[in-house]
Amino acid sequence: MIGAVERHLVWPADRFFWAVIATHGLPSSLVQGTRHRRQRLDYLVEGDLPLPLRQLQIVYTTIDRKTTLACALPRPAFGEVDGAHSLCPDSVPEFLGVSVDPRRFNMLVGDYEPLVVQRERRRWRALALVLLVTCVVLAAIGAERRIRSFQEDERQAIQRTADCYASLGFAGDPGLSAARLTAELREMEATAAAQATDGMVSHATPLLASLLAAWPSELPAGFETLIIGPDSITITATVETPTSAQQLADSLRAAASGYSMSPPQLTGARSGTRVTLVLERQEEGL
């Protein structure tokens, strides 16, 4: 019976047949393939071996893209390796001119692969399959939990939104409540804007009356626009000449108590000169 230390056998290199095969002329698909590569290499090496191929167990190892090394052993020799897990030469002959690890030439492959090695490989494949299935199941469970978490977060957000609407007096469907709340906000904004405008107009009424009274009747000037702001009033008019624009500014400046006027801004117009006058409220105490 072979002992534990003899399960991996190493035989002298001179018990094997060796051959170097030039593969530089072969297509890459044959050099790197499996079944077709084996058939092609068997055809190339057959003339270099002393025995017919059917009487040999051959193992090929690629040295580079141009060279392949063949190691062969007569099939009757395998009667001496019963119970072994591997069988390799102890070295690669120096006359071959290549440097290769001899353990790459394990002869116990294919028809001679030990049952224990086959079972071990099947066991590892089964274990890998189990691990793969386990990973898939765990990933599916994790994805389902994340989906449930997202759904729960969404449900809570909807409930908090509904509670917020209910506290404001908008009970019922959240979509309708949101529309009603938006409408209420817009109405409040419009009311506030109208109140602010009314306040500005009422505050500027005395000033506008003074400006209207001070408007020079003898000066041909056409009124265009009036813009009332919180702290300013902008008047745009059309006059015949720049001199007329200055006269209009002087007349209105005198009537605008509590306001300062910037220098008139003049631009060309079809019927003369367009003048823009800006009155700004002066701070009290100045």
Protein backbone atom coordinates (compact mmCIF):
# COMPACT_ATOMS: atom_id res chain seq x y z
CA MET A 1 0.00 0.00 0.00
CA ILE A 2 1.33 3.42 -0.89
CA GLY A 3 2.02 5.60 2.12
CA ALA A 4 0.92 9.16 2.56
CA VAL A 5 4.31 10.44 1.49
CA GLU A 6 4.11 8.41 -1.76
CA ARG A 7 0.80 9.80 -2.97
CA HIS A 8 2.73 12.43 -4.94
CA LEU A 9 5.25 10.50 -6.99
CA VAL A 10 8.37 11.93 -8.62
CA TRP A 11 10.19 9.83 -11.22
CA PRO A 12 13.51 10.46 -12.96
CA ALA A 13 13.27 12.51 -16.14
CA ASP A 14 14.85 9.72 -18.21
CA ARG A 15 11.75 7.55 -17.71
CA PHE A 16 9.76 10.02 -19.84
CA PHE A 17 9.84 10.90 -23.51
CA TRP A 18 10.37 14.58 -24.33
CA ALA A 19 9.77 16.69 -27.42
CA VAL A 20 9.85 20.41 -28.26
CA ILE A 21 7.13 21.52 -30.70
CA ALA A 22 7.36 24.71 -32.73
CA THR A 23 3.89 26.31 -32.73
CA HIS A 24 4.74 29.71 -34.22
CA GLY A 25 2.93 28.83 -37.45
CA LEU A 26 -0.31 27.77 -35.78
CA PRO A 27 -3.35 30.07 -35.45
CA SER A 28 -3.78 31.49 -31.96
CA SER A 29 -7.11 29.61 -31.63
CA LEU A 30 -5.24 26.29 -31.93
CA VAL A 31 -2.39 27.30 -29.66
CA GLN A 32 -4.71 28.48 -26.88
CA GLY A 33 -7.65 26.12 -27.41
CA THR A 34 -8.36 22.76 -25.77
CA ARG A 35 -9.66 19.90 -27.95
CA HIS A 36 -8.48 21.27 -31.30
CA ARG A 37 -5.15 22.23 -29.77
CA ARG A 38 -4.68 18.71 -28.44
CA GLN A 39 -5.42 17.15 -31.80
CA ARG A 40 -3.06 19.50 -33.60
CA LEU A 41 -0.23 18.95 -31.11
CA ASP A 42 -0.68 15.16 -31.27
CA TYR A 43 -0.28 15.36 -35.03
CA LEU A 44 2.90 17.47 -34.74
CA VAL A 45 4.58 15.39 -32.02
CA GLU A 46 3.75 11.93 -33.37
CA GLY A 47 6.90 11.73 -35.52
CA ASP A 48 9.20 12.70 -32.62
CA LEU A 49 8.11 9.92 -30.22
CA PRO A 50 9.35 6.30 -30.31
CA LEU A 51 5.91 4.78 -29.66
CA PRO A 52 2.49 5.26 -31.26
CA LEU A 53 0.27 7.85 -29.61
CA ARG A 54 -2.27 5.24 -28.42
CA GLN A 55 0.47 3.68 -26.25
CA LEU A 56 1.43 6.97 -24.59
CA GLN A 57 0.03 9.39 -22.06
CA ILE A 58 1.12 12.86 -23.22
CA VAL A 59 1.02 16.15 -21.31
CA TYR A 60 1.68 19.44 -23.12
CA THR A 61 2.90 22.67 -21.55
CA THR A 62 3.11 25.96 -23.43
CA ILE A 63 6.48 27.65 -23.02
CA ASP A 64 5.58 30.71 -25.09
CA ARG A 65 3.52 31.52 -28.20
CA LYS A 66 6.16 29.86 -30.37
CA THR A 67 7.11 26.79 -28.34
CA THR A 68 5.26 23.93 -26.61
CA LEU A 69 6.94 21.17 -24.61
CA ALA A 70 5.58 17.60 -24.66
CA CYS A 71 6.19 15.02 -21.94
CA ALA A 72 5.07 11.40 -22.60
CA LEU A 73 5.00 8.20 -20.56
CA PRO A 74 4.20 4.67 -21.79
CA ARG A 75 0.80 3.56 -20.56
CA PRO A 76 2.04 0.26 -19.06
CA ALA A 77 4.06 2.29 -16.55
CA PHE A 78 0.88 3.46 -14.86
CA GLY A 79 0.50 0.06 -13.26
CA GLU A 80 3.13 1.20 -10.77
CA VAL A 81 1.22 4.27 -9.55
CA ASP A 82 -1.92 2.71 -8.12
CA GLY A 83 -3.25 4.95 -5.32
CA ALA A 84 -1.06 7.96 -6.18
CA HIS A 85 -2.55 11.43 -6.55
CA SER A 86 0.08 12.85 -8.89
CA LEU A 87 3.08 11.72 -10.94
CA CYS A 88 5.68 14.21 -12.18
CA PRO A 89 9.25 14.07 -13.46
CA ASP A 90 11.93 15.25 -11.09
CA SER A 91 13.31 17.73 -13.65
CA VAL A 92 13.23 18.85 -17.27
CA PRO A 93 16.24 17.71 -19.31
CA GLU A 94 18.79 20.44 -19.87
CA PHE A 95 19.34 19.50 -23.53
CA LEU A 96 15.84 20.79 -24.31
CA GLY A 97 17.03 24.33 -23.62
CA VAL A 98 13.94 25.40 -21.72
CA SER A 99 13.31 26.22 -18.08
CA VAL A 100 10.00 24.80 -16.85
CA ASP A 101 8.74 23.67 -13.47
CA PRO A 102 8.52 19.85 -13.76
CA ARG A 103 5.41 19.86 -11.56
CA ARG A 104 3.52 21.22 -14.57
CA PHE A 105 3.83 17.74 -16.13
CA ASN A 106 1.46 15.82 -13.87
CA MET A 107 0.75 12.63 -15.81
CA LEU A 108 -2.27 11.58 -13.74
CA VAL A 109 -4.81 13.51 -15.79
CA GLY A 110 -7.52 12.55 -18.25
CA ASP A 111 -8.02 8.77 -18.31
CA TYR A 112 -5.56 8.36 -15.42
CA GLU A 113 -6.93 10.98 -13.10
CA PRO A 114 -7.37 9.42 -9.63
CA LEU A 115 -10.90 8.99 -8.35
CA VAL A 116 -10.02 10.85 -5.17
CA VAL A 117 -8.94 13.86 -7.25
CA GLN A 118 -12.14 13.72 -9.28
CA ARG A 119 -14.23 13.55 -6.11
CA GLU A 120 -12.29 16.44 -4.61
CA ARG A 121 -12.84 18.54 -7.70
CA ARG A 122 -16.55 17.74 -7.73
CA ARG A 123 -16.70 18.58 -4.04
CA TRP A 124 -15.10 21.96 -4.61
CA ARG A 125 -17.41 22.66 -7.53
CA ALA A 126 -20.42 21.76 -5.41
CA LEU A 127 -19.11 23.96 -2.59
CA ALA A 128 -18.60 26.85 -5.01
CA LEU A 129 -22.14 26.36 -6.32
CA VAL A 130 -23.53 26.34 -2.78
CA LEU A 131 -21.62 29.52 -1.97
CA LEU A 132 -22.91 31.15 -5.15
CA VAL A 133 -26.52 30.21 -4.39
CA THR A 134 -26.09 31.42 -0.80
CA CYS A 135 -24.76 34.76 -1.99
CA VAL A 136 -27.67 35.13 -4.41
CA VAL A 137 -30.21 34.31 -1.69
CA LEU A 138 -28.60 36.72 0.77
CA ALA A 139 -28.53 39.44 -1.87
CA ALA A 140 -32.21 38.85 -2.63
CA ILE A 141 -33.09 38.99 1.08
CA GLY A 142 -31.11 42.20 1.50
CA ALA A 143 -32.78 43.78 -1.52
CA GLU A 144 -36.23 42.82 -0.22
CA ARG A 145 -35.45 44.32 3.19
CA ARG A 146 -34.25 47.56 1.61
CA ILE A 147 -37.40 47.75 -0.49
CA ARG A 148 -39.55 47.23 2.60
CA SER A 149 -37.55 49.90 4.44
CA PHE A 150 -38.07 52.38 1.59
CA GLN A 151 -41.78 51.58 1.51
CA GLU A 152 -42.07 52.11 5.26
CA ASP A 153 -40.21 55.43 5.03
CA GLU A 154 -42.56 56.51 2.24
CA ARG A 155 -45.62 55.49 4.26
CA GLN A 156 -44.38 57.44 7.29
CA ALA A 157 -43.64 60.51 5.15
CA ILE A 158 -47.15 60.41 3.68
CA GLN A 159 -48.65 60.05 7.16
CA ARG A 160 -46.60 62.95 8.53
CA THR A 161 -47.67 65.09 5.58
CA ALA A 162 -51.33 64.20 6.19
CA ASP A 163 -50.96 65.02 9.90
CA CYS A 164 -49.41 68.37 9.03
CA TYR A 165 -52.30 69.20 6.69
CA ALA A 166 -54.79 68.07 9.32
CA SER A 167 -53.22 70.39 11.91
CA LEU A 168 -53.73 73.28 9.47
CA GLY A 169 -57.38 72.35 8.94
CA PHE A 170 -56.92 70.59 5.59
CA ALA A 171 -58.13 67.06 6.25
CA GLY A 172 -58.80 64.47 3.59
CA ASP A 173 -56.82 63.47 0.54
CA PRO A 174 -53.20 64.75 0.79
CA GLY A 175 -53.16 65.75 -2.88
CA LEU A 176 -56.30 67.88 -2.54
CA SER A 177 -55.04 69.28 0.77
CA ALA A 178 -51.76 70.32 -0.86
CA ALA A 179 -53.66 72.04 -3.69
CA ARG A 180 -55.91 73.88 -1.23
CA LEU A 181 -52.92 74.95 0.88
CA THR A 182 -51.11 76.22 -2.21
CA ALA A 183 -54.17 78.18 -3.26
CA GLU A 184 -54.44 79.70 0.25
CA LEU A 185 -50.78 80.71 0.23
CA ARG A 186 -51.08 82.33 -3.20
CA GLU A 187 -54.16 84.23 -2.09
CA MET A 188 -52.35 85.46 1.04
CA GLU A 189 -49.35 86.54 -1.05
CA ALA A 190 -51.60 88.40 -3.49
CA THR A 191 -53.40 90.13 -0.61
CA ALA A 192 -50.11 91.15 1.00
CA ALA A 193 -48.80 92.50 -2.31
CA ALA A 194 -52.01 94.47 -2.88
CA GLN A 195 -51.84 95.93 0.64
CA ALA A 196 -48.22 96.91 0.13
CA THR A 197 -49.09 98.60 -3.18
CA ASP A 198 -52.03 100.42 -1.66
CA GLY A 199 -49.80 101.63 1.15
CA MET A 200 -47.20 102.94 -1.27
CA VAL A 201 -49.81 104.69 -3.41
CA SER A 202 -51.56 106.29 -0.44
CA HIS A 203 -48.24 107.39 1.01
CA ALA A 204 -47.16 108.92 -2.32
CA THR A 205 -50.50 110.68 -2.99
CA PRO A 206 -49.52 114.08 -1.44
CA LEU A 207 -46.24 114.05 -3.35
CA LEU A 208 -47.95 113.21 -6.62
CA ALA A 209 -50.36 116.09 -6.10
CA SER A 210 -47.46 118.47 -5.53
CA LEU A 211 -45.66 117.22 -8.63
CA LEU A 212 -48.80 117.59 -10.74
CA ALA A 213 -49.27 121.14 -9.51
CA ALA A 214 -45.62 121.96 -10.25
CA TRP A 215 -45.70 120.51 -13.77
CA PRO A 216 -44.88 123.49 -16.04
CA SER A 217 -47.85 124.12 -18.30
CA GLU A 218 -45.85 126.30 -20.67
CA LEU A 219 -43.35 123.48 -21.28
CA PRO A 220 -44.40 121.06 -24.04
CA ALA A 221 -43.79 117.72 -22.35
CA GLY A 222 -45.58 114.43 -22.86
CA PHE A 223 -46.05 112.18 -19.82
CA GLU A 224 -45.19 108.47 -20.39
CA THR A 225 -44.85 106.36 -17.22
CA LEU A 226 -45.01 106.61 -13.45
CA ILE A 227 -43.47 103.92 -11.19
CA ILE A 228 -44.02 104.09 -7.41
CA GLY A 229 -41.69 102.12 -5.16
CA PRO A 230 -41.34 101.89 -1.37
CA ASP A 231 -38.69 104.64 -1.28
CA SER A 232 -38.63 106.06 -4.79
CA ILE A 233 -40.74 107.42 -7.64
CA THR A 234 -39.68 107.22 -11.27
CA ILE A 235 -41.22 109.54 -13.89
CA THR A 236 -40.66 109.24 -17.63
CA ALA A 237 -41.65 112.00 -20.04
CA THR A 238 -40.86 113.24 -23.54
CA VAL A 239 -39.67 116.84 -24.20
CA GLU A 240 -38.44 118.69 -27.26
CA THR A 241 -34.86 119.49 -26.21
CA PRO A 242 -32.39 118.61 -23.43
CA THR A 243 -32.85 122.15 -22.10
CA SER A 244 -36.55 121.47 -21.67
CA ALA A 245 -35.68 118.29 -19.77
CA GLN A 246 -33.58 120.28 -17.30
CA GLN A 247 -36.39 122.80 -16.83
CA LEU A 248 -38.84 120.00 -16.09
CA ALA A 249 -36.44 118.49 -13.56
CA ASP A 250 -35.92 121.83 -11.80
CA SER A 251 -39.67 122.43 -11.53
CA LEU A 252 -40.41 118.99 -10.07
CA ARG A 253 -37.39 119.01 -7.74
CA ALA A 254 -38.69 122.12 -6.01
CA ALA A 255 -42.08 120.48 -5.40
CA ALA A 256 -40.67 117.17 -4.10
CA SER A 257 -40.22 117.96 -0.45
CA GLY A 258 -38.45 115.18 1.42
CA TYR A 259 -37.15 113.64 -1.79
CA SER A 260 -33.87 114.04 -3.61
CA MET A 261 -33.69 113.88 -7.39
CA SER A 262 -30.90 112.28 -9.35
CA PRO A 263 -29.60 114.03 -12.49
CA PRO A 264 -32.00 113.58 -15.40
CA GLN A 265 -31.34 110.60 -17.65
CA LEU A 266 -31.74 111.55 -21.30
CA THR A 267 -32.26 109.24 -24.29
CA GLY A 268 -33.27 109.90 -27.87
CA ALA A 269 -36.89 109.51 -28.93
CA ARG A 270 -38.82 109.96 -32.19
CA SER A 271 -40.63 113.09 -31.02
CA GLY A 272 -37.68 114.66 -29.16
CA THR A 273 -35.85 113.63 -26.01
CA ARG A 274 -36.99 111.11 -23.43
CA VAL A 275 -36.16 112.14 -19.86
CA THR A 276 -36.23 109.85 -16.81
CA LEU A 277 -36.46 111.46 -13.36
CA VAL A 278 -35.85 109.41 -10.19
CA LEU A 279 -37.02 110.82 -6.83
CA GLU A 280 -35.61 109.01 -3.77
CA ARG A 281 -36.93 109.43 -0.24
CA GLN A 282 -34.50 111.16 2.09
CA GLU A 283 -33.91 109.67 5.52
CA GLU A 284 -35.24 111.74 8.38
CA GLY A 285 -32.68 113.91 10.09
CA LEU A 286 -30.61 114.49 6.91
